[in-house]
Amino acid sequence: MIKVQTMTKLIGTHSGSFHADEALAIFILQLLPQYSDSLIVRTRDPIELEKCDIVVDVGGVYDHQTKRYDHHQRSFNETFSSDFKTKLSSAGLIYKHYGTSAIQTIIPDIEANNLEILYKKVYKSLIEGFDGVDNGISRYPSDIDPLYEENTSISSRVKHLNPSWEDPNPNYDEKFKLAIPLVGDLFMDTVKYYGLSWMPARQIVQDAFDSRYKVDPSGLILSLERFCPWESHLFEIEDSLNDPNMQKPLYVIFEDSNGSCRVRAISKKLGSFENRKPLPEQWRGYRDDELSERSKIKDCIFVHATGFIGGNKTKEGAIEMARKSINM
């Protein structure tokens, strides 16, 4: 057990092997002024845990008033909100109660409305994954075997920090100290990305959605004023309309970093590799003059072999590629 000093805030968690969820829970707490200089007590001794100011992932109690945040008890079924089905781990519990305060330490000048949006987005995009993995909840309720192994997740990386079973003198406390900044860096990067990059993009996507009929009478082509993280915003905008009869856009046009333009086929679902309508098969894998000849469109640059994206030297050319693709 890590030795502690009196008058210092104590964060209790269990000893022995550790997981990503309590490492993230502690990182979030230590972002807050009241716990910034706290010490970590790793123990399963109830007497020692009782001395702690706050306890996560151990103790068999969830009680916000007494600052006890365990999720292992049989009766525990807490979720982030009624919009989610994933049972919380210690990461989700701490984020649910202290997440907005943690975000404000990272982005102090965030507006209240944006804070609420960001709070929910960070949970959905990051924290829920910690909760699902720790509680053994499969992302895919199916018996289909995966096509490949995937061991690069943050939970896997934290798991691999634990001492080897062959280590004659395992020091779990020292290894746990490595896990906290590992998950912490991911949390910080996620909050900064969604708060400072993703959030400002929403209005750009909204404007493109609202003006889509000016780009083409079909309304199936969006043209972004400038490139930005657009995909999740578009899906959220579409969902907010709750219109089953709406024709959803098929393509997004945006300028590339080198000044040319891209035409991107929109995915069927967020994160899916399947598109609503890929660029035509007869264009795929071709480039430059040969592609321009095949498509009868000037200044073509390329179309990816899967048809999910293509390029043209001009915005007009990219839009024309999208227009022709609609009817092919």
Protein backbone atom coordinates (compact mmCIF):
# COMPACT_ATOMS: atom_id res chain seq x y z
CA MET A 1 0.00 0.00 0.00
CA ILE A 2 1.21 3.50 -0.84
CA LYS A 3 2.03 5.44 2.35
CA VAL A 4 0.06 8.63 2.90
CA GLN A 5 0.38 11.82 4.88
CA THR A 6 -2.26 13.41 7.08
CA MET A 7 -4.34 16.37 5.86
CA THR A 8 -3.84 15.29 2.24
CA LYS A 9 -6.84 14.18 0.19
CA LEU A 10 -6.81 10.42 -0.24
CA ILE A 11 -8.21 8.58 -3.26
CA GLY A 12 -8.81 4.93 -2.53
CA THR A 13 -8.86 2.13 -5.07
CA HIS A 14 -8.13 -1.59 -4.97
CA SER A 15 -4.69 -3.12 -4.76
CA GLY A 16 -3.30 -5.83 -7.02
CA SER A 17 -3.87 -5.99 -10.79
CA PHE A 18 -5.44 -2.90 -12.29
CA HIS A 19 -7.58 -1.87 -15.25
CA ALA A 20 -8.06 1.17 -17.43
CA ASP A 21 -11.30 2.29 -15.79
CA GLU A 22 -9.94 3.10 -12.32
CA ALA A 23 -6.81 4.64 -13.84
CA LEU A 24 -8.99 7.04 -15.84
CA ALA A 25 -11.28 7.68 -12.87
CA ILE A 26 -8.31 8.77 -10.78
CA PHE A 27 -6.87 10.90 -13.57
CA ILE A 28 -10.18 12.77 -13.91
CA LEU A 29 -10.35 13.34 -10.16
CA GLN A 30 -6.79 14.65 -10.02
CA LEU A 31 -7.63 17.25 -12.67
CA LEU A 32 -9.93 18.87 -10.11
CA PRO A 33 -8.51 21.47 -7.69
CA GLN A 34 -9.76 19.58 -4.62
CA TYR A 35 -7.87 16.43 -5.62
CA SER A 36 -4.92 17.84 -7.58
CA ASP A 37 -2.47 17.05 -4.77
CA SER A 38 -4.17 13.88 -3.63
CA LEU A 39 -2.44 10.62 -2.81
CA ILE A 40 -3.58 7.22 -4.02
CA VAL A 41 -4.27 4.45 -1.53
CA ARG A 42 -4.34 1.03 -3.19
CA THR A 43 -5.86 -1.47 -0.78
CA ARG A 44 -8.83 -3.75 -0.21
CA ASP A 45 -8.77 -3.25 3.55
CA PRO A 46 -12.14 -1.69 4.56
CA ILE A 47 -10.53 0.09 7.50
CA GLU A 48 -7.99 1.80 5.25
CA LEU A 49 -10.62 2.62 2.63
CA GLU A 50 -12.76 4.25 5.30
CA LYS A 51 -9.96 6.78 5.87
CA CYS A 52 -10.07 7.87 2.21
CA ASP A 53 -11.88 11.01 1.09
CA ILE A 54 -13.13 9.29 -2.05
CA VAL A 55 -13.09 5.65 -3.17
CA VAL A 56 -13.33 4.26 -6.70
CA ASP A 57 -13.73 0.72 -8.07
CA VAL A 58 -13.71 -1.01 -4.68
CA GLY A 59 -15.76 -1.19 -1.49
CA GLY A 60 -19.08 -2.49 -2.78
CA VAL A 61 -20.84 0.88 -2.45
CA TYR A 62 -22.11 3.49 -4.88
CA ASP A 63 -23.13 6.61 -3.00
CA HIS A 64 -22.38 10.03 -4.42
CA GLN A 65 -23.08 11.74 -1.10
CA THR A 66 -20.34 9.80 0.68
CA LYS A 67 -18.10 9.75 -2.41
CA ARG A 68 -18.06 5.99 -2.85
CA TYR A 69 -17.99 4.85 -6.47
CA ASP A 70 -17.89 1.09 -6.89
CA HIS A 71 -19.80 -0.69 -9.65
CA HIS A 72 -19.18 -4.36 -8.85
CA GLN A 73 -22.13 -4.95 -6.52
CA ARG A 74 -24.97 -7.16 -7.80
CA SER A 75 -27.56 -4.39 -7.50
CA PHE A 76 -25.60 -1.87 -9.59
CA ASN A 77 -27.22 -0.99 -12.93
CA GLU A 78 -26.36 2.69 -13.31
CA THR A 79 -25.96 4.14 -16.83
CA PHE A 80 -24.76 7.56 -17.95
CA SER A 81 -28.30 8.62 -18.85
CA SER A 82 -31.52 7.15 -20.22
CA ASP A 83 -30.01 7.50 -23.71
CA PHE A 84 -27.40 4.83 -22.97
CA LYS A 85 -27.62 1.12 -22.16
CA THR A 86 -24.01 0.47 -21.13
CA LYS A 87 -23.54 -0.09 -17.42
CA LEU A 88 -20.99 2.28 -15.91
CA SER A 89 -17.55 1.31 -14.67
CA SER A 90 -15.62 3.45 -12.21
CA ALA A 91 -14.52 5.62 -15.16
CA GLY A 92 -18.11 6.30 -16.16
CA LEU A 93 -19.21 6.88 -12.58
CA ILE A 94 -16.54 9.47 -11.91
CA TYR A 95 -17.07 11.10 -15.31
CA LYS A 96 -20.84 11.25 -14.75
CA HIS A 97 -20.41 13.21 -11.53
CA TYR A 98 -17.21 15.16 -12.20
CA GLY A 99 -16.84 15.23 -15.98
CA THR A 100 -18.06 18.76 -16.59
CA SER A 101 -15.71 20.12 -13.93
CA ALA A 102 -12.81 18.18 -15.45
CA ILE A 103 -13.59 19.53 -18.91
CA GLN A 104 -13.64 23.08 -17.54
CA THR A 105 -10.12 22.64 -16.18
CA ILE A 106 -8.98 21.73 -19.71
CA ILE A 107 -11.07 24.33 -21.58
CA PRO A 108 -11.78 27.06 -18.99
CA ASP A 109 -13.67 29.45 -21.28
CA ILE A 110 -16.11 26.95 -22.75
CA GLU A 111 -19.69 28.21 -23.00
CA ALA A 112 -22.37 26.47 -20.93
CA ASN A 113 -24.30 25.11 -23.91
CA ASN A 114 -21.15 23.79 -25.55
CA LEU A 115 -20.02 22.28 -22.25
CA GLU A 116 -23.15 20.14 -22.10
CA ILE A 117 -22.72 19.01 -25.72
CA LEU A 118 -19.05 18.23 -25.16
CA TYR A 119 -19.76 16.41 -21.89
CA LYS A 120 -22.10 14.00 -23.70
CA LYS A 121 -19.86 13.67 -26.76
CA VAL A 122 -16.78 12.72 -24.74
CA TYR A 123 -18.78 10.10 -22.88
CA LYS A 124 -20.14 8.58 -26.08
CA SER A 125 -16.87 8.70 -28.01
CA LEU A 126 -14.47 7.67 -25.22
CA ILE A 127 -15.73 6.91 -21.73
CA GLU A 128 -18.46 4.48 -22.76
CA GLY A 129 -15.77 2.28 -24.30
CA PHE A 130 -14.01 2.05 -20.93
CA ASP A 131 -17.34 1.11 -19.32
CA GLY A 132 -18.20 -1.52 -21.90
CA VAL A 133 -14.79 -3.22 -21.81
CA ASP A 134 -14.56 -3.30 -18.02
CA ASN A 135 -18.07 -4.72 -17.68
CA GLY A 136 -17.52 -7.31 -20.41
CA ILE A 137 -20.18 -5.90 -22.72
CA SER A 138 -19.65 -6.84 -26.36
CA ARG A 139 -19.94 -4.12 -28.98
CA TYR A 140 -21.41 -6.68 -31.37
CA PRO A 141 -24.12 -8.93 -29.91
CA SER A 142 -23.23 -11.82 -32.21
CA ASP A 143 -21.36 -15.12 -32.21
CA ILE A 144 -19.54 -14.30 -35.44
CA ASP A 145 -15.79 -14.74 -35.02
CA PRO A 146 -13.72 -11.60 -35.72
CA LEU A 147 -11.55 -11.62 -38.82
CA TYR A 148 -8.48 -10.42 -36.90
CA GLU A 149 -7.20 -9.74 -33.40
CA GLU A 150 -7.22 -6.19 -32.06
CA ASN A 151 -4.97 -5.60 -29.04
CA THR A 152 -4.14 -1.92 -29.47
CA SER A 153 -7.02 -0.54 -27.41
CA ILE A 154 -6.27 1.58 -24.36
CA SER A 155 -7.70 -1.16 -22.13
CA SER A 156 -5.29 -3.69 -23.63
CA ARG A 157 -2.36 -1.34 -23.17
CA VAL A 158 -3.19 -0.81 -19.51
CA LYS A 159 -3.65 -4.54 -19.01
CA HIS A 160 -0.17 -5.14 -20.42
CA LEU A 161 1.33 -2.74 -17.88
CA ASN A 162 0.52 -5.16 -15.07
CA PRO A 163 3.52 -7.14 -13.80
CA SER A 164 4.15 -10.49 -15.43
CA TRP A 165 2.75 -13.56 -13.69
CA GLU A 166 6.35 -14.77 -13.63
CA ASP A 167 7.67 -11.70 -11.83
CA PRO A 168 8.95 -12.91 -8.44
CA ASN A 169 8.55 -9.43 -6.90
CA PRO A 170 5.65 -7.73 -8.68
CA ASN A 171 5.20 -4.05 -7.87
CA TYR A 172 1.62 -3.27 -8.86
CA ASP A 173 1.63 0.19 -7.30
CA GLU A 174 4.54 1.40 -9.41
CA LYS A 175 3.06 -0.04 -12.59
CA PHE A 176 -0.30 1.55 -11.81
CA LYS A 177 1.43 4.94 -11.73
CA LEU A 178 2.26 4.40 -15.41
CA ALA A 179 -1.34 3.61 -16.28
CA ILE A 180 -2.76 6.91 -15.02
CA PRO A 181 -0.90 9.25 -17.43
CA LEU A 182 -1.42 6.75 -20.27
CA VAL A 183 -5.21 6.96 -20.05
CA GLY A 184 -4.97 10.60 -18.97
CA ASP A 185 -3.24 11.68 -22.16
CA LEU A 186 -6.01 10.02 -24.16
CA PHE A 187 -8.67 11.79 -22.11
CA MET A 188 -6.97 15.18 -22.49
CA ASP A 189 -6.50 14.71 -26.23
CA THR A 190 -10.13 13.66 -26.65
CA VAL A 191 -11.52 16.65 -24.74
CA LYS A 192 -9.27 19.08 -26.63
CA TYR A 193 -10.14 17.54 -29.99
CA TYR A 194 -13.89 17.60 -29.48
CA GLY A 195 -13.88 20.92 -27.62
CA LEU A 196 -11.48 22.90 -29.79
CA SER A 197 -11.72 21.21 -33.20
CA TRP A 198 -14.94 19.20 -33.48
CA MET A 199 -17.27 21.66 -31.74
CA PRO A 200 -16.51 24.71 -33.91
CA ALA A 201 -17.18 22.61 -37.04
CA ARG A 202 -20.85 22.12 -36.29
CA GLN A 203 -22.00 25.44 -37.73
CA ILE A 204 -20.03 24.85 -40.92
CA VAL A 205 -21.77 21.51 -41.42
CA GLN A 206 -25.16 22.98 -40.53
CA ASP A 207 -24.69 25.76 -43.11
CA ALA A 208 -23.71 23.23 -45.77
CA PHE A 209 -26.74 21.09 -44.95
CA ASP A 210 -29.11 24.05 -45.08
CA SER A 211 -27.74 25.24 -48.45
CA ARG A 212 -27.45 21.83 -50.12
CA TYR A 213 -30.22 22.55 -52.66
CA LYS A 214 -28.20 25.52 -53.91
CA VAL A 215 -25.33 23.19 -54.76
CA ASP A 216 -27.56 20.81 -56.70
CA PRO A 217 -31.38 20.64 -57.05
CA SER A 218 -31.30 17.05 -55.81
CA GLY A 219 -30.12 18.16 -52.36
CA LEU A 220 -27.83 15.12 -52.32
CA ILE A 221 -24.53 17.04 -52.36
CA LEU A 222 -23.08 19.05 -49.48
CA SER A 223 -20.34 21.59 -50.10
CA LEU A 224 -18.36 22.59 -47.02
CA GLU A 225 -17.13 26.18 -46.78
CA ARG A 226 -13.84 24.71 -45.50
CA PHE A 227 -12.68 21.27 -44.48
CA CYS A 228 -13.59 20.31 -40.93
CA PRO A 229 -14.62 17.23 -38.90
CA TRP A 230 -18.01 16.89 -40.56
CA GLU A 231 -19.24 13.31 -40.43
CA SER A 232 -20.61 12.94 -36.89
CA HIS A 233 -22.20 16.41 -37.09
CA LEU A 234 -24.01 15.45 -40.29
CA PHE A 235 -25.44 12.29 -38.75
CA GLU A 236 -26.58 14.20 -35.67
CA ILE A 237 -28.21 16.90 -37.79
CA GLU A 238 -30.04 14.27 -39.83
CA ASP A 239 -31.16 12.42 -36.71
CA SER A 240 -32.43 15.62 -35.11
CA LEU A 241 -34.85 16.16 -38.00
CA ASN A 242 -36.48 12.76 -37.34
CA ASP A 243 -37.83 12.67 -40.90
CA PRO A 244 -38.03 9.12 -42.32
CA ASN A 245 -38.92 10.50 -45.77
CA MET A 246 -35.93 12.82 -46.04
CA GLN A 247 -33.51 12.06 -48.87
CA LYS A 248 -30.16 11.95 -47.17
CA PRO A 249 -27.14 13.51 -48.91
CA LEU A 250 -24.85 11.11 -50.73
CA TYR A 251 -21.66 13.16 -51.18
CA VAL A 252 -19.65 15.84 -49.39
CA ILE A 253 -17.36 18.28 -51.22
CA PHE A 254 -14.43 19.93 -49.46
CA GLU A 255 -11.08 21.52 -50.26
CA ASP A 256 -7.94 19.49 -49.68
CA SER A 257 -4.81 20.87 -48.03
CA ASN A 258 -3.10 21.28 -51.42
CA GLY A 259 -5.89 23.43 -52.87
CA SER A 260 -7.61 20.72 -54.91
CA CYS A 261 -11.05 19.40 -53.97
CA ARG A 262 -12.36 16.08 -52.76
CA VAL A 263 -15.69 14.36 -53.25
CA ARG A 264 -16.42 11.97 -50.40
CA ALA A 265 -19.16 9.34 -50.43
CA ILE A 266 -21.07 9.50 -47.14
CA SER A 267 -21.06 6.35 -44.99
CA LYS A 268 -24.27 4.43 -44.35
CA LYS A 269 -23.57 4.60 -40.63
CA LEU A 270 -21.09 6.59 -38.61
CA GLY A 271 -17.81 4.72 -38.63
CA SER A 272 -18.92 2.27 -41.32
CA PHE A 273 -16.82 1.48 -44.39
CA GLU A 274 -20.02 1.04 -46.42
CA ASN A 275 -21.21 4.13 -48.27
CA ARG A 276 -24.66 5.34 -49.22
CA LYS A 277 -23.54 5.44 -52.83
CA PRO A 278 -19.86 4.92 -53.71
CA LEU A 279 -18.37 6.69 -56.70
CA PRO A 280 -18.93 4.71 -59.92
CA GLU A 281 -17.14 1.40 -60.33
CA GLN A 282 -15.88 2.32 -63.79
CA TRP A 283 -13.93 5.27 -62.31
CA ARG A 284 -12.32 3.42 -59.41
CA GLY A 285 -8.57 3.06 -59.38
CA TYR A 286 -8.02 5.49 -62.27
CA ARG A 287 -6.16 8.81 -62.19
CA ASP A 288 -5.59 12.08 -64.02
CA ASP A 289 -6.17 12.14 -67.80
CA GLU A 290 -7.36 8.56 -68.00
CA LEU A 291 -9.96 9.24 -65.30
CA SER A 292 -11.02 12.49 -66.98
CA GLU A 293 -11.50 10.62 -70.23
CA ARG A 294 -13.56 7.90 -68.60
CA SER A 295 -15.74 10.31 -66.63
CA LYS A 296 -15.91 13.07 -69.28
CA ILE A 297 -15.07 15.55 -66.52
CA LYS A 298 -12.08 17.89 -66.73
CA ASP A 299 -9.24 18.02 -64.21
CA CYS A 300 -9.90 14.75 -62.41
CA ILE A 301 -7.12 13.61 -60.07
CA PHE A 302 -8.17 10.20 -58.77
CA VAL A 303 -10.91 7.92 -57.52
CA HIS A 304 -10.02 5.46 -54.77
CA ALA A 305 -10.21 1.77 -55.63
CA THR A 306 -13.13 1.31 -53.21
CA GLY A 307 -15.01 4.36 -54.51
CA PHE A 308 -15.30 6.10 -51.16
CA ILE A 309 -13.44 9.24 -52.24
CA GLY A 310 -12.18 11.03 -55.33
CA GLY A 311 -10.43 14.27 -56.24
CA ASN A 312 -10.55 17.06 -58.78
CA LYS A 313 -8.43 20.16 -59.27
CA THR A 314 -11.48 22.43 -58.88
CA LYS A 315 -14.60 22.56 -56.72
CA GLU A 316 -16.74 22.72 -59.84
CA GLY A 317 -15.10 19.53 -61.09
CA ALA A 318 -15.63 17.73 -57.76
CA ILE A 319 -19.29 18.75 -57.72
CA GLU A 320 -19.68 17.49 -61.29
CA MET A 321 -18.17 14.15 -60.23
CA ALA A 322 -20.80 13.94 -57.48
CA ARG A 323 -23.63 14.94 -59.85
CA LYS A 324 -22.73 12.28 -62.39
CA SER A 325 -22.31 9.68 -59.65
CA ILE A 326 -25.87 10.23 -58.41
CA ASN A 327 -27.31 8.90 -61.66
CA MET A 328 -24.80 6.10 -62.35
